[in-house]
Amino acid sequence: MTTRRRAVGEIVVVGLAIGADLYVHGGDSRLRGGGELPPWVVPVVEVVVLATLLLRWRYPYRVVAVQWCWALAGLVLPGFAPFAGLLVALHAVACRASARYSLAVLAAGLVPLAVSNANAAGGVGTRFFAALCLAWAVVLAAVWAVGRCTHLAERRTRLLEELRERDAADAVRAERLRLARELHDIVAHTVSAMVLQTAGARARLTADPGDAPARAEVVAALAAVEASGVTAMTEMHRMLGLLRAHVPDPDPAGDGVVAPRLADVPHLLETSRASGLDVEHVVDGTPGRADPSVELTAFRVVQEGLANAIKHGGAGALVRVHELWEPGRLRITVRSTPGITGPDHGLPVGGHGLRGLAERAALVGGHIESGPGGDGFVLRAELPLDGSGAGAR
């Protein structure tokens, strides 16, 4: 419907331009130097030439050149002063072309109008001729100014649309990154514990005497569960890689779901102990109030440290979680030492856990450090209690 209305509007504009020129023409077809054209010639050529205005948005330069040449008809027909087509074409050029080019077209438009004004002034005098030229120059400048305003408005609209699309794309990418980070933090620890527990149960059943067929069925079932867990972890890491592809800085905005807090750490430690870890929890200093984003980050630091201990330390790994509360700051250290047997579960090594923690810590104004420490692995985080990072809110 919009396209049809626009087409009708274009036809109306061209029709009005033709009508204006023919009205000014008044049927005068006398040639300069004597003679006269048939009365139908000027109207037919007028319609053909101004019909090119329908293409002015696609070919503005060519159309304005055609209209400029037709506006010079006064050199041959002193009684004919076509002007409407040139004005319409000038407006299109001002809307589409650069300011320099449109100004050049504006200056060129003064030539045919000067010819028409000279024919109209006749022997009246230079003052009348100058007044006519000034009046038409004002008309040309007004048409050009309207076109330039339209050009600037369209460009501003395009820029705003590009900014809106860019903001929407950034929001989508940031949401993908947030989902990837949350998926790792929530699933990795649980699945790692499940795989480790299954591997331990299968090992104990294999060592226990008893009914061999029943024991074999249990071992096979546990092996299938373990394999499924390993596959799930591998697929999760693959999906995290896809989610993180070409993703810029994250947006920490939440989705309304209640996030874990430091008060949930003891429950997390109990779950880890049930998975075969030897966990020690030490709190120094006086615990204070922390921003919810800081509490979530601190919880994820502990969770990631325990998950890494399960994956890399195996059953019997020793983990020491140390919370140090200082004025305006919380320091968390997770130190893990591998168990006697080490890992034996086939979980994929590597991933995005530490990278996600670094992003979280940066968002709340803190930072993390990780690396070998003694005969194990150490993960340290330093976080401001007020979440004074650029993206904490």
Protein backbone atom coordinates (compact mmCIF):
# COMPACT_ATOMS: atom_id res chain seq x y z
CA MET A 1 0.00 0.00 0.00
CA THR A 2 2.87 2.40 0.80
CA THR A 3 4.52 1.72 -2.55
CA ARG A 4 1.29 2.41 -4.40
CA ARG A 5 0.75 5.69 -2.55
CA ARG A 6 4.29 6.75 -3.32
CA ALA A 7 3.83 5.95 -7.02
CA VAL A 8 0.60 7.96 -7.11
CA GLY A 9 2.37 10.85 -5.38
CA GLU A 10 5.16 10.79 -7.97
CA ILE A 11 2.67 10.89 -10.82
CA VAL A 12 0.83 13.81 -9.19
CA VAL A 13 4.09 15.78 -8.80
CA VAL A 14 5.03 15.24 -12.44
CA GLY A 15 1.51 16.13 -13.56
CA LEU A 16 1.57 19.38 -11.60
CA ALA A 17 4.97 20.28 -13.04
CA ILE A 18 3.71 19.68 -16.59
CA GLY A 19 0.59 21.71 -15.90
CA ALA A 20 2.64 24.62 -14.50
CA ASP A 21 4.93 24.75 -17.54
CA LEU A 22 2.08 24.52 -20.04
CA TYR A 23 0.13 27.21 -18.16
CA VAL A 24 3.09 29.58 -18.43
CA HIS A 25 3.54 28.57 -22.07
CA GLY A 26 0.08 29.74 -23.01
CA GLY A 27 0.26 28.22 -26.50
CA ASP A 28 2.98 30.63 -27.77
CA SER A 29 5.05 28.52 -30.22
CA ARG A 30 6.87 31.30 -32.09
CA LEU A 31 10.50 30.63 -32.95
CA ARG A 32 13.28 33.15 -32.41
CA GLY A 33 14.07 34.76 -35.76
CA GLY A 34 10.68 33.99 -37.29
CA GLY A 35 8.47 31.02 -37.92
CA GLU A 36 6.22 29.02 -35.63
CA LEU A 37 6.03 25.38 -34.45
CA PRO A 38 2.87 23.32 -34.75
CA PRO A 39 0.82 23.86 -31.55
CA TRP A 40 1.13 20.20 -30.48
CA VAL A 41 4.96 20.05 -30.49
CA VAL A 42 5.66 21.89 -27.26
CA PRO A 43 3.06 20.00 -25.15
CA VAL A 44 4.23 16.61 -26.46
CA VAL A 45 7.91 17.32 -25.84
CA GLU A 46 7.04 18.79 -22.44
CA VAL A 47 5.26 15.59 -21.39
CA VAL A 48 8.08 13.36 -22.69
CA VAL A 49 10.85 15.39 -21.03
CA LEU A 50 9.14 15.83 -17.67
CA ALA A 51 8.18 12.15 -17.60
CA THR A 52 11.86 11.49 -16.89
CA LEU A 53 11.25 13.03 -13.45
CA LEU A 54 9.73 9.69 -12.46
CA LEU A 55 13.31 8.34 -12.53
CA ARG A 56 14.88 11.22 -10.62
CA TRP A 57 15.43 9.24 -7.40
CA ARG A 58 17.27 6.46 -9.22
CA TYR A 59 19.18 8.64 -11.70
CA PRO A 60 19.21 12.15 -10.18
CA TYR A 61 22.23 13.42 -12.13
CA ARG A 62 20.99 12.32 -15.54
CA VAL A 63 17.49 13.59 -14.96
CA VAL A 64 18.66 17.03 -13.80
CA ALA A 65 20.86 17.28 -16.90
CA VAL A 66 17.82 16.57 -19.13
CA GLN A 67 15.71 19.14 -17.28
CA TRP A 68 18.50 21.73 -17.47
CA CYS A 69 18.71 21.34 -21.24
CA TRP A 70 14.91 21.59 -21.57
CA ALA A 71 14.90 24.73 -19.41
CA LEU A 72 17.07 26.36 -22.09
CA ALA A 73 14.17 26.11 -24.57
CA GLY A 74 13.81 29.88 -24.22
CA LEU A 75 16.83 30.25 -26.51
CA VAL A 76 14.65 28.89 -29.35
CA LEU A 77 11.15 29.74 -28.11
CA PRO A 78 11.15 33.24 -26.59
CA GLY A 79 7.58 32.80 -25.37
CA PHE A 80 8.25 29.55 -23.51
CA ALA A 81 9.91 29.46 -20.08
CA PRO A 82 9.88 25.88 -18.65
CA PHE A 83 11.00 25.90 -15.02
CA ALA A 84 9.01 23.29 -13.01
CA GLY A 85 11.00 20.28 -14.19
CA LEU A 86 14.29 21.91 -13.24
CA LEU A 87 13.01 22.77 -9.76
CA VAL A 88 11.79 19.22 -9.13
CA ALA A 89 15.06 17.72 -10.40
CA LEU A 90 17.10 20.16 -8.29
CA HIS A 91 15.21 19.06 -5.18
CA ALA A 92 15.99 15.41 -5.93
CA VAL A 93 19.70 16.18 -6.42
CA ALA A 94 19.81 18.15 -3.16
CA CYS A 95 18.23 15.15 -1.38
CA ARG A 96 20.60 12.56 -2.87
CA ALA A 97 23.90 14.24 -3.81
CA SER A 98 26.65 15.76 -1.72
CA ALA A 99 26.47 19.41 -0.74
CA ARG A 100 29.22 20.38 -3.20
CA TYR A 101 27.56 18.72 -6.19
CA SER A 102 24.10 20.02 -5.33
CA LEU A 103 25.51 23.55 -5.03
CA ALA A 104 27.04 23.18 -8.49
CA VAL A 105 23.62 22.15 -9.88
CA LEU A 106 22.06 25.13 -8.07
CA ALA A 107 24.53 27.50 -9.72
CA ALA A 108 23.99 25.91 -13.14
CA GLY A 109 20.23 26.33 -12.71
CA LEU A 110 20.64 30.10 -12.77
CA VAL A 111 21.64 30.00 -16.44
CA PRO A 112 18.34 28.81 -18.00
CA LEU A 113 16.34 30.95 -15.60
CA ALA A 114 18.38 34.00 -16.65
CA VAL A 115 17.50 33.21 -20.28
CA SER A 116 13.80 32.94 -19.43
CA ASN A 117 13.92 36.17 -17.41
CA ALA A 118 15.63 38.01 -20.25
CA ASN A 119 12.87 36.90 -22.61
CA ALA A 120 10.21 37.99 -20.12
CA ALA A 121 11.84 41.36 -19.41
CA GLY A 122 12.15 42.19 -23.10
CA GLY A 123 12.78 45.90 -23.47
CA VAL A 124 11.43 46.86 -20.06
CA GLY A 125 14.87 47.49 -18.60
CA THR A 126 17.65 46.10 -16.48
CA ARG A 127 15.93 46.74 -13.15
CA PHE A 128 12.99 44.51 -14.01
CA PHE A 129 15.40 41.86 -15.34
CA ALA A 130 17.45 42.02 -12.13
CA ALA A 131 14.32 41.76 -10.00
CA LEU A 132 13.17 38.70 -11.92
CA CYS A 133 16.58 37.05 -11.60
CA LEU A 134 16.66 37.76 -7.86
CA ALA A 135 13.18 36.34 -7.38
CA TRP A 136 14.00 33.14 -9.26
CA ALA A 137 17.33 32.82 -7.48
CA VAL A 138 15.43 32.93 -4.18
CA VAL A 139 13.05 30.23 -5.45
CA LEU A 140 15.96 28.02 -6.56
CA ALA A 141 17.74 28.50 -3.22
CA ALA A 142 14.57 27.65 -1.30
CA VAL A 143 14.06 24.44 -3.29
CA TRP A 144 17.71 23.51 -2.75
CA ALA A 145 17.47 24.24 1.00
CA VAL A 146 14.37 22.06 1.35
CA GLY A 147 16.19 19.24 -0.43
CA ARG A 148 19.26 19.57 1.80
CA CYS A 149 17.09 19.51 4.93
CA THR A 150 15.45 16.34 3.65
CA HIS A 151 18.88 14.88 2.94
CA LEU A 152 20.13 15.63 6.45
CA ALA A 153 16.95 14.27 8.02
CA GLU A 154 17.20 11.02 6.04
CA ARG A 155 20.87 10.65 6.94
CA ARG A 156 20.09 11.24 10.61
CA THR A 157 17.32 8.65 10.42
CA ARG A 158 19.69 6.13 8.84
CA LEU A 159 22.30 6.76 11.52
CA LEU A 160 19.73 6.30 14.28
CA GLU A 161 18.52 3.10 12.65
CA GLU A 162 22.09 1.80 12.39
CA LEU A 163 22.69 2.65 16.03
CA ARG A 164 19.47 0.91 17.02
CA GLU A 165 20.41 -2.21 15.05
CA ARG A 166 23.91 -2.14 16.51
CA ASP A 167 22.54 -1.82 20.05
CA ALA A 168 20.14 -4.69 19.38
CA ALA A 169 22.94 -6.87 18.03
CA ASP A 170 25.17 -5.99 21.00
CA ALA A 171 22.34 -6.87 23.37
CA VAL A 172 21.88 -10.25 21.67
CA ARG A 173 25.61 -10.99 21.76
CA ALA A 174 25.85 -9.91 25.39
CA GLU A 175 22.90 -12.15 26.29
CA ARG A 176 24.57 -15.07 24.52
CA LEU A 177 27.72 -14.47 26.55
CA ARG A 178 25.77 -14.23 29.79
CA LEU A 179 23.98 -17.49 29.01
CA ALA A 180 27.27 -19.17 28.20
CA ARG A 181 28.79 -18.02 31.48
CA GLU A 182 25.77 -19.04 33.53
CA LEU A 183 25.57 -22.40 31.76
CA HIS A 184 29.14 -23.16 32.66
CA ASP A 185 28.83 -22.03 36.27
CA ILE A 186 25.60 -23.89 36.94
CA VAL A 187 26.15 -27.12 35.01
CA ALA A 188 29.89 -27.74 35.09
CA HIS A 189 30.17 -28.27 38.83
CA THR A 190 27.13 -30.54 39.04
CA VAL A 191 28.02 -32.70 36.07
CA SER A 192 31.63 -32.99 37.20
CA ALA A 193 30.48 -34.20 40.62
CA MET A 194 28.06 -36.68 39.00
CA VAL A 195 30.78 -38.14 36.80
CA LEU A 196 33.23 -38.42 39.70
CA GLN A 197 30.66 -40.11 41.94
CA THR A 198 29.70 -42.55 39.21
CA ALA A 199 33.31 -43.41 38.49
CA GLY A 200 33.93 -44.04 42.21
CA ALA A 201 30.82 -46.21 42.57
CA ARG A 202 31.79 -48.27 39.57
CA ALA A 203 35.26 -48.75 40.98
CA ARG A 204 33.89 -49.92 44.35
CA LEU A 205 31.38 -52.29 42.75
CA THR A 206 34.13 -53.77 40.62
CA ALA A 207 36.22 -54.45 43.70
CA ASP A 208 33.37 -55.87 45.85
CA PRO A 209 32.68 -59.60 45.78
CA GLY A 210 29.15 -60.82 45.26
CA ASP A 211 26.75 -61.87 42.58
CA ALA A 212 28.78 -61.52 39.41
CA PRO A 213 25.87 -61.06 36.92
CA ALA A 214 24.11 -58.43 39.06
CA ARG A 215 27.36 -56.68 39.70
CA ALA A 216 28.10 -56.66 35.99
CA GLU A 217 24.72 -55.08 35.22
CA VAL A 218 25.29 -52.34 37.82
CA VAL A 219 28.78 -51.71 36.52
CA ALA A 220 27.47 -51.46 32.96
CA ALA A 221 24.68 -49.06 34.00
CA LEU A 222 27.09 -46.85 35.93
CA ALA A 223 29.49 -46.89 33.01
CA ALA A 224 26.69 -45.70 30.73
CA VAL A 225 25.84 -42.88 33.16
CA GLU A 226 29.49 -41.90 33.34
CA ALA A 227 29.79 -41.91 29.56
CA SER A 228 26.67 -39.79 29.27
CA GLY A 229 28.09 -37.27 31.73
CA VAL A 230 31.36 -37.07 29.84
CA THR A 231 29.47 -36.58 26.57
CA ALA A 232 27.32 -33.89 28.15
CA MET A 233 30.36 -32.01 29.39
CA THR A 234 32.05 -32.26 25.99
CA GLU A 235 28.95 -30.99 24.21
CA MET A 236 28.57 -28.20 26.73
CA HIS A 237 32.12 -27.01 26.08
CA ARG A 238 31.46 -27.15 22.35
CA MET A 239 28.29 -25.09 22.75
CA LEU A 240 30.09 -22.57 24.93
CA GLY A 241 32.61 -22.10 22.15
CA LEU A 242 29.80 -21.40 19.69
CA LEU A 243 28.07 -18.97 22.07
CA ARG A 244 31.28 -17.07 22.67
CA ALA A 245 32.17 -16.73 18.98
CA HIS A 246 32.67 -13.04 18.08
CA VAL A 247 31.07 -11.80 21.30
CA PRO A 248 32.13 -8.34 22.65
CA ASP A 249 32.14 -7.16 26.23
CA PRO A 250 29.35 -8.75 28.26
CA ASP A 251 26.29 -7.15 29.74
CA PRO A 252 25.87 -8.13 33.38
CA ALA A 253 22.12 -7.53 33.44
CA GLY A 254 20.24 -10.34 35.07
CA ASP A 255 16.94 -11.95 34.18
CA GLY A 256 15.11 -11.75 37.51
CA VAL A 257 16.17 -15.21 38.74
CA VAL A 258 17.40 -15.32 42.35
CA ALA A 259 21.20 -15.59 42.14
CA PRO A 260 23.36 -17.61 44.54
CA ARG A 261 24.92 -15.71 47.44
CA LEU A 262 27.73 -16.26 49.90
CA ALA A 263 25.22 -17.82 52.30
CA ASP A 264 24.89 -20.70 49.79
CA VAL A 265 28.61 -21.57 49.93
CA PRO A 266 28.26 -24.08 52.86
CA HIS A 267 25.68 -26.08 50.90
CA LEU A 268 28.00 -26.05 47.89
CA LEU A 269 30.84 -27.35 50.07
CA GLU A 270 28.68 -30.18 51.43
CA THR A 271 27.83 -31.25 47.89
CA SER A 272 31.53 -31.25 47.02
CA ARG A 273 32.36 -33.37 50.08
CA ALA A 274 29.75 -35.88 48.96
CA SER A 275 31.57 -36.01 45.63
CA GLY A 276 34.76 -37.20 47.29
CA LEU A 277 36.58 -33.94 47.98
CA ASP A 278 38.18 -33.13 51.32
CA VAL A 279 37.05 -29.51 51.76
CA GLU A 280 38.16 -27.06 54.43
CA HIS A 281 36.42 -23.68 54.82
CA VAL A 282 38.10 -20.85 56.71
CA VAL A 283 36.64 -17.37 57.27
CA ASP A 284 38.87 -14.56 58.61
CA GLY A 285 37.73 -11.07 59.46
CA THR A 286 34.22 -9.80 60.05
CA PRO A 287 31.82 -10.60 57.20
CA GLY A 288 30.06 -7.48 55.99
CA ARG A 289 27.37 -6.50 53.54
CA ALA A 290 28.30 -6.99 49.90
CA ASP A 291 26.62 -5.98 46.69
CA PRO A 292 24.55 -8.86 45.20
CA SER A 293 26.73 -8.87 42.09
CA VAL A 294 29.82 -9.27 44.29
CA GLU A 295 28.22 -12.12 46.26
CA LEU A 296 27.34 -13.90 43.00
CA THR A 297 30.90 -13.46 41.74
CA ALA A 298 32.35 -14.76 45.02
CA PHE A 299 30.05 -17.80 44.90
CA ARG A 300 31.11 -18.53 41.31
CA VAL A 301 34.79 -18.30 42.30
CA VAL A 302 34.32 -20.96 44.96
CA GLN A 303 32.21 -23.06 42.60
CA GLU A 304 34.79 -22.91 39.83
CA GLY A 305 37.60 -23.78 42.23
CA LEU A 306 35.70 -26.86 43.47
CA ALA A 307 34.78 -27.90 39.92
CA ASN A 308 38.43 -27.70 38.84
CA ALA A 309 39.47 -29.69 41.90
CA ILE A 310 36.98 -32.42 40.93
CA LYS A 311 38.13 -32.47 37.31
CA HIS A 312 41.86 -32.27 37.90
CA GLY A 313 42.35 -33.57 41.44
CA GLY A 314 40.11 -36.62 41.46
CA ALA A 315 38.68 -38.39 44.50
CA GLY A 316 40.34 -37.44 47.78
CA ALA A 317 41.58 -34.08 46.52
CA LEU A 318 42.15 -31.58 49.31
CA VAL A 319 40.54 -28.15 48.84
CA ARG A 320 40.98 -25.19 51.17
CA VAL A 321 38.54 -22.29 50.74
CA HIS A 322 39.68 -19.14 52.51
CA GLU A 323 37.54 -16.00 52.88
CA LEU A 324 39.34 -12.88 54.08
CA TRP A 325 37.06 -9.94 54.89
CA GLU A 326 38.80 -6.56 54.88
CA PRO A 327 37.34 -3.04 55.07
CA GLY A 328 35.53 -2.58 51.76
CA ARG A 329 37.08 -5.65 50.18
CA LEU A 330 36.73 -9.44 50.09
CA ARG A 331 39.56 -11.80 49.19
CA ILE A 332 38.79 -15.42 48.34
CA THR A 333 41.43 -18.10 47.83
CA VAL A 334 40.68 -21.64 46.68
CA ARG A 335 43.74 -23.88 46.96
CA SER A 336 43.44 -27.48 45.74
CA THR A 337 45.82 -30.43 46.00
CA PRO A 338 45.27 -33.54 43.85
CA GLY A 339 44.17 -36.79 45.46
CA ILE A 340 46.27 -39.91 45.70
CA THR A 341 44.97 -41.46 42.50
CA GLY A 342 44.41 -38.23 40.54
CA PRO A 343 41.63 -37.74 38.00
CA ASP A 344 40.22 -40.84 36.29
CA HIS A 345 36.92 -39.84 34.73
CA GLY A 346 37.45 -38.67 31.14
CA LEU A 347 36.13 -35.16 31.71
CA PRO A 348 37.29 -32.65 29.08
CA VAL A 349 40.22 -30.50 30.17
CA GLY A 350 40.02 -26.73 29.65
CA GLY A 351 36.99 -24.60 28.93
CA HIS A 352 35.70 -21.13 29.69
CA GLY A 353 35.39 -21.21 33.48
CA LEU A 354 38.40 -19.06 34.36
CA ARG A 355 37.68 -16.74 31.46
CA GLY A 356 34.12 -16.26 32.70
CA LEU A 357 35.41 -15.55 36.21
CA ALA A 358 37.78 -12.90 34.87
CA GLU A 359 34.84 -11.25 33.10
CA ARG A 360 32.69 -11.39 36.23
CA ALA A 361 35.43 -9.94 38.43
CA ALA A 362 36.13 -7.12 35.98
CA LEU A 363 32.45 -6.21 35.88
CA VAL A 364 32.35 -5.62 39.65
CA GLY A 365 35.71 -3.84 39.78
CA GLY A 366 37.79 -6.79 40.99
CA HIS A 367 40.23 -9.24 39.47
CA ILE A 368 41.30 -12.87 39.76
CA GLU A 369 44.59 -14.73 39.60
CA SER A 370 45.08 -18.41 38.97
CA GLY A 371 47.97 -20.79 38.49
CA PRO A 372 50.04 -23.54 40.04
CA GLY A 373 50.76 -23.18 43.74
CA GLY A 374 52.99 -25.62 45.58
CA ASP A 375 51.87 -29.10 44.62
CA GLY A 376 48.41 -27.99 43.54
CA PHE A 377 46.44 -25.15 41.99
CA VAL A 378 45.48 -21.78 43.46
CA LEU A 379 42.60 -19.51 42.45
CA ARG A 380 42.51 -16.04 44.04
CA ALA A 381 39.90 -13.31 43.74
CA GLU A 382 39.90 -9.78 45.09
CA LEU A 383 36.50 -8.06 45.00
CA PRO A 384 35.24 -4.66 46.28
CA LEU A 385 32.21 -5.10 48.51
CA ASP A 386 30.29 -2.26 46.87
CA GLY A 387 30.69 -3.66 43.35
CA SER A 388 32.24 -0.43 42.14
CA GLY A 389 33.02 -1.76 38.64
CA ALA A 390 31.75 -0.10 35.47
CA GLY A 391 29.19 -2.82 34.86
CA ALA A 392 28.28 -3.84 38.39
CA ARG A 393 24.70 -2.61 38.09
